[in-house]
Amino acid sequence: MDEKRKQARRSVNIQARYQDRGGSLLKGTVRNLSRSGAFIETRNPLKRGEEVDISFDARDFGRVICISSRVIRSIGSKGMAVCFIQENQLDLQGLIDMIKSSERASMMHLSRAGML
């Protein structure tokens, strides 16, 4: 199967909140993230083509980030793939940079622990 993604995805575990058309607050968990989109595990995915503002609860990184998105794939009661509308890219890039830094710190810790 050919890879269609243009951006590398990072595995994450970030809580997300969004609203459906009726205004109900829904929750999910971001399982992977890139500069262009994300997969959100949720029992309440929105329909393909719907636009939605998603709040990423990145409290581990000290902030909540809201990003305008469009649903590009909805998978039953498993989740939805979204692409980001080109707003808030600085906030998103900041979040990705923080994730990368955290991964590097974890790898350094593991490599040091292996040397003891």
N, C-alpha and C. Protein backbone atom coordinates (compact mmCIF):
# COMPACT_ATOMS: atom_id res chain seq x y z
N MET A 1 0.84 -1.18 0.00
CA MET A 1 0.00 0.00 0.00
C MET A 1 0.88 1.24 0.00
N ASP A 2 0.67 2.14 -0.94
CA ASP A 2 1.47 3.36 -1.03
C ASP A 2 1.06 4.36 0.03
N GLU A 3 2.05 5.04 0.59
CA GLU A 3 1.81 6.07 1.60
C GLU A 3 1.37 7.34 0.88
N LYS A 4 0.20 7.88 1.24
CA LYS A 4 -0.34 9.07 0.60
C LYS A 4 -0.03 10.33 1.39
N ARG A 5 0.38 10.19 2.64
CA ARG A 5 0.63 11.36 3.48
C ARG A 5 1.88 12.09 3.03
N LYS A 6 1.80 13.41 3.06
CA LYS A 6 2.95 14.24 2.70
C LYS A 6 3.78 14.60 3.92
N GLN A 7 3.19 14.53 5.11
CA GLN A 7 3.87 14.90 6.35
C GLN A 7 4.01 13.67 7.24
N ALA A 8 5.13 13.56 7.93
CA ALA A 8 5.34 12.46 8.87
C ALA A 8 4.39 12.62 10.06
N ARG A 9 3.83 11.52 10.51
CA ARG A 9 2.93 11.54 11.66
C ARG A 9 3.69 11.11 12.91
N ARG A 10 3.31 11.69 14.03
CA ARG A 10 3.86 11.34 15.33
C ARG A 10 2.76 10.69 16.16
N SER A 11 3.09 9.58 16.79
CA SER A 11 2.14 8.94 17.70
C SER A 11 2.04 9.80 18.95
N VAL A 12 0.81 10.11 19.35
CA VAL A 12 0.58 10.95 20.52
C VAL A 12 -0.62 10.41 21.29
N ASN A 13 -0.84 10.99 22.44
CA ASN A 13 -2.00 10.66 23.27
C ASN A 13 -2.47 11.98 23.88
N ILE A 14 -3.23 12.75 23.10
CA ILE A 14 -3.68 14.08 23.49
C ILE A 14 -5.20 14.11 23.46
N GLN A 15 -5.80 14.60 24.53
CA GLN A 15 -7.25 14.71 24.57
C GLN A 15 -7.72 15.83 23.64
N ALA A 16 -8.85 15.61 22.99
CA ALA A 16 -9.41 16.59 22.07
C ALA A 16 -10.89 16.80 22.37
N ARG A 17 -11.36 18.01 22.13
CA ARG A 17 -12.78 18.34 22.29
C ARG A 17 -13.25 19.05 21.03
N TYR A 18 -14.50 18.79 20.66
CA TYR A 18 -15.09 19.43 19.49
C TYR A 18 -16.60 19.38 19.64
N GLN A 19 -17.31 20.12 18.80
CA GLN A 19 -18.77 20.15 18.86
C GLN A 19 -19.35 19.62 17.55
N ASP A 20 -20.49 18.95 17.68
CA ASP A 20 -21.20 18.54 16.48
C ASP A 20 -22.10 19.69 16.03
N ARG A 21 -22.83 19.50 14.95
CA ARG A 21 -23.70 20.57 14.43
C ARG A 21 -24.78 20.99 15.40
N GLY A 22 -25.18 20.09 16.28
CA GLY A 22 -26.21 20.39 17.28
C GLY A 22 -25.67 21.12 18.49
N GLY A 23 -24.36 21.31 18.53
CA GLY A 23 -23.74 22.03 19.64
C GLY A 23 -23.33 21.14 20.81
N SER A 24 -23.48 19.82 20.66
CA SER A 24 -23.06 18.92 21.73
C SER A 24 -21.54 18.86 21.80
N LEU A 25 -21.01 18.93 23.01
CA LEU A 25 -19.57 18.83 23.22
C LEU A 25 -19.17 17.36 23.17
N LEU A 26 -18.23 17.03 22.29
CA LEU A 26 -17.77 15.66 22.11
C LEU A 26 -16.29 15.57 22.44
N LYS A 27 -15.85 14.37 22.80
CA LYS A 27 -14.45 14.16 23.18
C LYS A 27 -13.84 13.03 22.38
N GLY A 28 -12.52 13.08 22.29
CA GLY A 28 -11.78 12.01 21.64
C GLY A 28 -10.33 12.08 22.07
N THR A 29 -9.53 11.19 21.51
CA THR A 29 -8.11 11.16 21.80
C THR A 29 -7.34 11.19 20.49
N VAL A 30 -6.45 12.17 20.37
CA VAL A 30 -5.60 12.26 19.18
C VAL A 30 -4.56 11.15 19.30
N ARG A 31 -4.52 10.28 18.29
CA ARG A 31 -3.58 9.15 18.31
C ARG A 31 -2.36 9.38 17.43
N ASN A 32 -2.51 10.18 16.38
CA ASN A 32 -1.34 10.59 15.61
C ASN A 32 -1.57 11.99 15.06
N LEU A 33 -0.46 12.67 14.83
CA LEU A 33 -0.51 14.10 14.53
C LEU A 33 0.62 14.48 13.59
N SER A 34 0.33 15.35 12.63
CA SER A 34 1.34 15.93 11.76
C SER A 34 0.98 17.39 11.55
N ARG A 35 1.78 18.10 10.77
CA ARG A 35 1.46 19.50 10.48
C ARG A 35 0.22 19.62 9.61
N SER A 36 -0.16 18.54 8.92
CA SER A 36 -1.29 18.64 8.01
C SER A 36 -2.58 18.00 8.52
N GLY A 37 -2.50 17.16 9.56
CA GLY A 37 -3.72 16.53 10.02
C GLY A 37 -3.51 15.64 11.23
N ALA A 38 -4.57 14.92 11.60
CA ALA A 38 -4.53 14.05 12.77
C ALA A 38 -5.59 12.97 12.64
N PHE A 39 -5.40 11.91 13.44
CA PHE A 39 -6.45 10.91 13.60
C PHE A 39 -6.94 11.01 15.03
N ILE A 40 -8.25 11.16 15.18
CA ILE A 40 -8.87 11.29 16.50
C ILE A 40 -9.73 10.06 16.75
N GLU A 41 -9.35 9.32 17.78
CA GLU A 41 -10.13 8.16 18.19
C GLU A 41 -11.32 8.67 18.98
N THR A 42 -12.52 8.36 18.51
CA THR A 42 -13.74 8.84 19.15
C THR A 42 -14.91 7.94 18.76
N ARG A 43 -15.87 7.82 19.66
CA ARG A 43 -17.08 7.07 19.35
C ARG A 43 -18.07 7.93 18.56
N ASN A 44 -17.76 9.22 18.43
CA ASN A 44 -18.67 10.16 17.79
C ASN A 44 -17.99 10.92 16.65
N PRO A 45 -17.53 10.21 15.62
CA PRO A 45 -16.90 10.94 14.52
C PRO A 45 -17.92 11.75 13.74
N LEU A 46 -17.45 12.86 13.20
CA LEU A 46 -18.31 13.68 12.35
C LEU A 46 -18.27 13.14 10.93
N LYS A 47 -19.16 13.64 10.09
CA LYS A 47 -19.23 13.16 8.71
C LYS A 47 -18.13 13.77 7.85
N ARG A 48 -17.74 13.02 6.85
CA ARG A 48 -16.73 13.48 5.89
C ARG A 48 -17.16 14.82 5.31
N GLY A 49 -16.22 15.75 5.24
CA GLY A 49 -16.49 17.06 4.67
C GLY A 49 -16.87 18.13 5.69
N GLU A 50 -17.26 17.72 6.90
CA GLU A 50 -17.64 18.69 7.92
C GLU A 50 -16.41 19.46 8.41
N GLU A 51 -16.61 20.76 8.61
CA GLU A 51 -15.56 21.58 9.20
C GLU A 51 -15.83 21.71 10.69
N VAL A 52 -14.74 21.68 11.47
CA VAL A 52 -14.87 21.68 12.92
C VAL A 52 -13.65 22.31 13.55
N ASP A 53 -13.87 23.05 14.62
CA ASP A 53 -12.76 23.56 15.43
C ASP A 53 -12.49 22.54 16.53
N ILE A 54 -11.25 22.07 16.59
CA ILE A 54 -10.88 21.06 17.57
C ILE A 54 -9.92 21.68 18.58
N SER A 55 -10.22 21.48 19.86
CA SER A 55 -9.34 21.95 20.93
C SER A 55 -8.48 20.78 21.38
N PHE A 56 -7.17 20.94 21.23
CA PHE A 56 -6.21 19.93 21.67
C PHE A 56 -5.77 20.30 23.07
N ASP A 57 -6.03 19.42 24.00
CA ASP A 57 -5.70 19.65 25.40
C ASP A 57 -4.27 19.21 25.64
N ALA A 58 -3.34 20.06 25.29
CA ALA A 58 -1.92 19.74 25.41
C ALA A 58 -1.38 20.28 26.73
N ARG A 59 -2.07 20.00 27.81
CA ARG A 59 -1.67 20.52 29.12
C ARG A 59 -0.30 20.03 29.53
N ASP A 60 0.09 18.84 29.07
CA ASP A 60 1.45 18.37 29.36
C ASP A 60 2.47 19.35 28.79
N PHE A 61 2.06 20.10 27.79
CA PHE A 61 2.94 21.07 27.16
C PHE A 61 2.57 22.50 27.55
N GLY A 62 1.63 22.63 28.50
CA GLY A 62 1.32 23.93 29.06
C GLY A 62 0.28 24.76 28.34
N ARG A 63 -0.53 24.16 27.46
CA ARG A 63 -1.51 24.97 26.75
C ARG A 63 -2.60 24.14 26.08
N VAL A 64 -3.67 24.84 25.69
CA VAL A 64 -4.73 24.25 24.88
C VAL A 64 -4.67 24.96 23.53
N ILE A 65 -4.71 24.19 22.46
CA ILE A 65 -4.60 24.74 21.12
C ILE A 65 -5.88 24.42 20.35
N CYS A 66 -6.46 25.42 19.72
CA CYS A 66 -7.67 25.23 18.92
C CYS A 66 -7.30 25.35 17.43
N ILE A 67 -7.66 24.33 16.65
CA ILE A 67 -7.29 24.32 15.24
C ILE A 67 -8.51 24.00 14.37
N SER A 68 -8.73 24.84 13.36
CA SER A 68 -9.81 24.61 12.40
C SER A 68 -9.43 23.42 11.52
N SER A 69 -10.38 22.50 11.34
CA SER A 69 -10.11 21.25 10.63
C SER A 69 -11.28 20.87 9.74
N ARG A 70 -11.01 19.92 8.85
CA ARG A 70 -12.06 19.35 7.99
C ARG A 70 -11.93 17.83 8.08
N VAL A 71 -13.05 17.16 8.27
CA VAL A 71 -13.05 15.70 8.34
C VAL A 71 -12.82 15.15 6.94
N ILE A 72 -11.80 14.30 6.79
CA ILE A 72 -11.54 13.70 5.48
C ILE A 72 -11.88 12.22 5.44
N ARG A 73 -12.04 11.62 6.63
CA ARG A 73 -12.42 10.21 6.70
C ARG A 73 -13.08 9.96 8.04
N SER A 74 -14.18 9.24 8.01
CA SER A 74 -14.89 8.87 9.23
C SER A 74 -14.99 7.35 9.26
N ILE A 75 -14.59 6.76 10.39
CA ILE A 75 -14.53 5.31 10.49
C ILE A 75 -15.49 4.84 11.58
N GLY A 76 -16.75 4.62 11.22
CA GLY A 76 -17.76 4.12 12.14
C GLY A 76 -17.69 4.75 13.51
N SER A 77 -17.63 3.92 14.53
CA SER A 77 -17.53 4.44 15.89
C SER A 77 -16.09 4.37 16.40
N LYS A 78 -15.13 4.33 15.47
CA LYS A 78 -13.71 4.24 15.85
C LYS A 78 -13.02 5.59 15.86
N GLY A 79 -13.38 6.45 14.93
CA GLY A 79 -12.71 7.74 14.89
C GLY A 79 -12.83 8.46 13.56
N MET A 80 -12.02 9.50 13.44
CA MET A 80 -12.05 10.31 12.22
C MET A 80 -10.66 10.88 11.94
N ALA A 81 -10.37 10.98 10.66
CA ALA A 81 -9.14 11.63 10.22
C ALA A 81 -9.52 13.03 9.79
N VAL A 82 -8.72 14.00 10.21
CA VAL A 82 -8.98 15.40 9.85
C VAL A 82 -7.74 15.99 9.21
N CYS A 83 -7.98 16.94 8.32
CA CYS A 83 -6.88 17.74 7.80
C CYS A 83 -7.07 19.14 8.38
N PHE A 84 -5.96 19.78 8.65
CA PHE A 84 -6.02 21.11 9.24
C PHE A 84 -6.17 22.16 8.15
N ILE A 85 -7.04 23.11 8.42
CA ILE A 85 -7.19 24.26 7.55
C ILE A 85 -6.06 25.20 7.93
N GLN A 86 -5.42 25.80 7.00
CA GLN A 86 -4.15 26.49 7.22
C GLN A 86 -4.24 27.71 8.13
N GLU A 87 -4.84 27.54 9.27
CA GLU A 87 -4.85 28.57 10.30
C GLU A 87 -4.09 28.02 11.50
N ASN A 88 -3.65 28.89 12.37
CA ASN A 88 -3.03 28.48 13.63
C ASN A 88 -1.81 27.59 13.43
N GLN A 89 -1.15 27.70 12.30
CA GLN A 89 -0.01 26.83 12.04
C GLN A 89 1.14 27.04 13.02
N LEU A 90 1.30 28.25 13.53
CA LEU A 90 2.37 28.49 14.50
C LEU A 90 2.11 27.72 15.79
N ASP A 91 0.87 27.73 16.28
CA ASP A 91 0.53 26.96 17.47
C ASP A 91 0.74 25.47 17.24
N LEU A 92 0.30 24.98 16.09
CA LEU A 92 0.44 23.57 15.77
C LEU A 92 1.92 23.19 15.66
N GLN A 93 2.71 24.01 14.98
CA GLN A 93 4.13 23.71 14.85
C GLN A 93 4.80 23.74 16.22
N GLY A 94 4.38 24.64 17.09
CA GLY A 94 4.91 24.68 18.44
C GLY A 94 4.62 23.40 19.19
N LEU A 95 3.40 22.88 19.04
CA LEU A 95 3.03 21.62 19.70
C LEU A 95 3.89 20.48 19.16
N ILE A 96 4.05 20.40 17.86
CA ILE A 96 4.86 19.33 17.26
C ILE A 96 6.31 19.45 17.71
N ASP A 97 6.84 20.67 17.78
CA ASP A 97 8.21 20.86 18.26
C ASP A 97 8.35 20.40 19.71
N MET A 98 7.34 20.68 20.54
CA MET A 98 7.39 20.24 21.94
C MET A 98 7.36 18.72 22.03
N ILE A 99 6.57 18.07 21.17
CA ILE A 99 6.51 16.61 21.15
C ILE A 99 7.86 16.04 20.75
N LYS A 100 8.47 16.62 19.72
CA LYS A 100 9.80 16.18 19.29
C LYS A 100 10.82 16.32 20.41
N SER A 101 10.80 17.45 21.10
CA SER A 101 11.74 17.68 22.21
C SER A 101 11.53 16.65 23.31
N SER A 102 10.28 16.36 23.61
CA SER A 102 9.96 15.37 24.63
C SER A 102 10.46 13.99 24.22
N GLU A 103 10.29 13.65 22.94
CA GLU A 103 10.78 12.35 22.44
C GLU A 103 12.30 12.27 22.55
N ARG A 104 12.99 13.35 22.19
CA ARG A 104 14.46 13.37 22.27
C ARG A 104 14.91 13.21 23.71
N ALA A 105 14.23 13.91 24.63
CA ALA A 105 14.60 13.81 26.05
C ALA A 105 14.38 12.39 26.55
N SER A 106 13.30 11.75 26.13
CA SER A 106 13.03 10.37 26.54
C SER A 106 14.09 9.42 26.00
N MET A 107 14.48 9.62 24.75
CA MET A 107 15.50 8.77 24.15
C MET A 107 16.84 8.95 24.85
N MET A 108 17.18 10.20 25.19
CA MET A 108 18.43 10.45 25.91
C MET A 108 18.40 9.77 27.28
N HIS A 109 17.26 9.86 27.95
CA HIS A 109 17.13 9.23 29.26
C HIS A 109 17.29 7.71 29.15
N LEU A 110 16.67 7.12 28.13
CA LEU A 110 16.78 5.68 27.94
C LEU A 110 18.21 5.27 27.61
N SER A 111 18.87 6.05 26.78
CA SER A 111 20.25 5.68 26.42
C SER A 111 21.17 5.83 27.62
N ARG A 112 20.97 6.84 28.44
CA ARG A 112 21.78 6.99 29.65
C ARG A 112 21.51 5.87 30.64
N ALA A 113 20.23 5.50 30.77
CA ALA A 113 19.87 4.42 31.70
C ALA A 113 20.51 3.09 31.26
N GLY A 114 20.64 2.89 29.96
CA GLY A 114 21.26 1.67 29.45
C GLY A 114 22.76 1.61 29.70
N MET A 115 23.36 2.76 29.90
CA MET A 115 24.80 2.81 30.14
C MET A 115 25.18 2.51 31.58
N LEU A 116 24.23 2.60 32.50
CA LEU A 116 24.53 2.38 33.92
C LEU A 116 24.75 0.93 34.23
